[in-house]
Amino acid sequence: MVNIYYRSMGARMIIAISGTPGTGKTTVAKLLGERLGYEVISLNDFAREKNLLCGYDERRKCDIVDVEKIKSELRKLKKKNLVIESHYAHDMDSDVLIILRTNPGELRKRGREKGWRREKIEENVLAEIMEICKSEALEQGKGFYEIDTSNKTPKDVVDEIVKNLNINRKLSKTKG
């Protein structure tokens, strides 16, 4: 099912890439940003750089970000075209929302290749099976475009994004 969400086509565009950790968000966001000439923001890095944290999860060994403060800081980047990525990017304001999906077996393999702890791998596999990112986006009333990255290269995923969303054509209409 293709469900595309455009909030507005104004002076700037924000493309949000969300999905379970290990689905390819960071790599796809970097390639998409290069292709479109957009600034790429990893929301986790952004939160650390801007001190938008509200704690640390000892069990998961990760920072806890303040989603509302991140939203506020992103709004300050008014004139920039952005690609933002994180497993919670669907919680941000965006013009286009893309949720990357991956087969649980492939996700488990990628987690092992990244050297993640078994607990983290299994938590992410369960999140993917339960479609957490997708469910949260739907609960917020957001539409999105879903791409299965299981058997695709990051370049193939970017090609699919550009093709199916007609980004280049739509952007040219906003320039003039």
Protein backbone atom coordinates (compact mmCIF):
# COMPACT_ATOMS: atom_id res chain seq x y z
CA MET A 1 0.00 0.00 0.00
CA VAL A 2 1.30 3.43 -0.90
CA ASN A 3 0.17 6.13 1.49
CA ILE A 4 2.01 9.39 0.85
CA TYR A 5 1.84 12.30 3.25
CA TYR A 6 2.59 15.84 2.15
CA ARG A 7 1.98 18.44 4.86
CA SER A 8 2.80 21.41 2.65
CA MET A 9 4.83 22.27 -0.38
CA GLY A 10 6.14 25.64 0.72
CA ALA A 11 9.54 27.29 0.73
CA ARG A 12 11.17 24.31 2.37
CA MET A 13 10.67 20.58 2.51
CA ILE A 14 11.31 18.15 5.35
CA ILE A 15 11.54 14.47 4.51
CA ALA A 16 11.40 12.24 7.59
CA ILE A 17 12.80 8.72 7.46
CA SER A 18 11.70 6.49 10.31
CA GLY A 19 11.88 2.78 11.05
CA THR A 20 13.17 0.24 13.48
CA PRO A 21 16.93 0.44 14.17
CA GLY A 22 18.79 -1.56 11.52
CA THR A 23 16.41 -0.87 8.62
CA GLY A 24 18.88 1.44 6.85
CA LYS A 25 17.64 4.90 7.85
CA THR A 26 21.02 6.55 8.30
CA THR A 27 22.52 5.30 5.04
CA VAL A 28 19.38 6.03 3.02
CA ALA A 29 19.05 9.51 4.54
CA LYS A 30 22.67 10.37 3.66
CA LEU A 31 22.28 9.17 0.07
CA LEU A 32 18.92 10.92 -0.35
CA GLY A 33 20.32 14.14 1.07
CA GLU A 34 23.27 14.01 -1.34
CA ARG A 35 20.99 13.31 -4.28
CA LEU A 36 18.58 16.16 -3.49
CA GLY A 37 21.11 18.61 -2.06
CA TYR A 38 19.34 18.60 1.31
CA GLU A 39 20.90 18.89 4.74
CA VAL A 40 20.72 15.57 6.60
CA ILE A 41 20.06 15.50 10.33
CA SER A 42 20.41 12.41 12.46
CA LEU A 43 17.98 13.28 15.24
CA ASN A 44 19.97 11.41 17.89
CA ASP A 45 23.14 13.38 17.06
CA PHE A 46 21.10 16.60 16.84
CA ALA A 47 19.62 15.96 20.30
CA ARG A 48 23.08 15.38 21.81
CA GLU A 49 24.64 18.42 20.07
CA LYS A 50 21.80 20.73 21.19
CA ASN A 51 21.49 19.13 24.65
CA LEU A 52 17.90 18.05 24.00
CA LEU A 53 18.10 15.04 26.28
CA CYS A 54 15.97 14.30 29.30
CA GLY A 55 17.82 11.32 30.70
CA TYR A 56 19.68 8.10 30.11
CA ASP A 57 18.20 4.60 29.93
CA GLU A 58 20.60 2.36 31.87
CA ARG A 59 18.92 -0.86 30.78
CA ARG A 60 19.08 -0.01 27.07
CA LYS A 61 22.34 1.96 27.37
CA CYS A 62 21.03 4.94 25.40
CA ASP A 63 20.05 8.58 25.76
CA ILE A 64 16.42 9.57 26.25
CA VAL A 65 15.59 12.47 23.96
CA ASP A 66 13.07 15.25 24.50
CA VAL A 67 10.91 14.95 21.38
CA GLU A 68 9.11 18.28 21.93
CA LYS A 69 12.40 20.19 22.30
CA ILE A 70 13.73 18.54 19.13
CA LYS A 71 10.58 19.60 17.25
CA SER A 72 11.05 23.14 18.51
CA GLU A 73 14.70 23.29 17.44
CA LEU A 74 13.88 21.89 14.00
CA ARG A 75 11.26 24.62 13.50
CA LYS A 76 14.06 27.17 13.90
CA LEU A 77 15.65 25.82 10.69
CA LYS A 78 12.86 27.47 8.69
CA LYS A 79 14.49 27.89 5.31
CA LYS A 80 16.40 24.65 5.03
CA ASN A 81 15.38 21.60 3.05
CA LEU A 82 16.02 18.67 5.36
CA VAL A 83 16.15 14.92 5.48
CA ILE A 84 15.74 13.86 9.11
CA GLU A 85 16.22 10.32 10.33
CA SER A 86 15.66 8.34 13.48
CA HIS A 87 13.44 5.59 14.83
CA TYR A 88 11.22 8.42 16.12
CA ALA A 89 11.37 10.68 13.03
CA HIS A 90 7.66 9.93 12.52
CA ASP A 91 7.04 12.03 15.66
CA MET A 92 8.47 15.13 13.96
CA ASP A 93 6.71 17.62 11.69
CA SER A 94 7.47 16.72 8.08
CA ASP A 95 6.20 17.11 4.55
CA VAL A 96 6.97 13.53 3.57
CA LEU A 97 7.17 10.57 5.91
CA ILE A 98 8.92 7.37 4.84
CA ILE A 99 8.98 4.32 7.06
CA LEU A 100 11.64 1.74 6.27
CA ARG A 101 10.83 -1.88 7.01
CA THR A 102 13.01 -5.00 7.09
CA ASN A 103 12.28 -8.70 7.38
CA PRO A 104 12.91 -9.75 11.02
CA GLY A 105 15.49 -12.37 9.99
CA GLU A 106 17.42 -9.79 7.99
CA LEU A 107 17.09 -7.28 10.83
CA ARG A 108 18.54 -9.82 13.27
CA LYS A 109 21.45 -10.47 10.86
CA ARG A 110 22.15 -6.73 10.49
CA GLY A 111 22.10 -6.28 14.25
CA ARG A 112 24.67 -9.06 14.71
CA GLU A 113 26.86 -7.51 11.97
CA LYS A 114 26.73 -4.19 13.84
CA GLY A 115 27.81 -5.92 17.05
CA TRP A 116 24.65 -5.10 18.96
CA ARG A 117 23.83 -6.90 22.20
CA ARG A 118 21.40 -9.81 21.87
CA GLU A 119 18.83 -7.97 24.00
CA LYS A 120 18.90 -4.94 21.68
CA ILE A 121 18.60 -7.13 18.58
CA GLU A 122 15.60 -9.00 19.94
CA GLU A 123 13.89 -5.80 21.13
CA ASN A 124 14.30 -4.33 17.63
CA VAL A 125 13.06 -7.51 15.94
CA LEU A 126 9.99 -7.47 18.17
CA ALA A 127 9.41 -3.76 17.40
CA GLU A 128 9.56 -4.56 13.68
CA ILE A 129 7.18 -7.51 13.98
CA MET A 130 4.74 -5.34 15.94
CA GLU A 131 5.11 -2.50 13.38
CA ILE A 132 5.77 0.04 16.15
CA CYS A 133 6.90 2.96 13.95
CA LYS A 134 4.04 2.39 11.52
CA SER A 135 1.48 2.07 14.35
CA GLU A 136 2.69 5.25 16.05
CA ALA A 137 2.48 7.19 12.76
CA LEU A 138 -1.05 5.90 12.17
CA GLU A 139 -2.08 6.81 15.74
CA GLN A 140 -0.95 10.37 15.01
CA GLY A 141 -3.06 10.41 11.85
CA LYS A 142 -0.04 10.62 9.58
CA GLY A 143 0.19 9.10 6.15
CA PHE A 144 3.46 7.66 4.95
CA TYR A 145 5.28 5.73 2.27
CA GLU A 146 6.56 2.32 3.38
CA ILE A 147 9.58 0.63 1.82
CA ASP A 148 10.88 -2.86 2.57
CA THR A 149 14.69 -2.64 2.56
CA SER A 150 15.28 -6.37 3.13
CA ASN A 151 16.58 -7.18 -0.35
CA LYS A 152 17.45 -3.71 -1.66
CA THR A 153 20.62 -1.67 -1.71
CA PRO A 154 20.44 1.79 -0.12
CA LYS A 155 20.75 3.27 -3.63
CA ASP A 156 17.74 1.21 -4.77
CA VAL A 157 15.75 2.54 -1.82
CA VAL A 158 16.67 6.14 -2.67
CA ASP A 159 15.75 5.57 -6.32
CA GLU A 160 12.37 4.23 -5.19
CA ILE A 161 11.78 7.22 -2.92
CA VAL A 162 12.54 9.72 -5.66
CA LYS A 163 10.54 7.82 -8.28
CA ASN A 164 7.44 7.11 -6.23
CA LEU A 165 7.20 10.47 -4.54
CA ASN A 166 8.05 12.43 -7.70
CA ILE A 167 10.24 14.61 -5.50
CA ASN A 168 12.28 16.22 -8.27
CA ARG A 169 9.18 17.22 -10.24
CA LYS A 170 7.33 18.54 -7.19
CA LEU A 171 10.34 20.54 -6.00
CA SER A 172 10.73 22.21 -9.37
CA LYS A 173 7.15 23.49 -9.07
CA THR A 174 7.94 25.21 -5.75
CA LYS A 175 10.93 27.10 -7.15
CA GLY A 176 9.21 29.35 -9.47
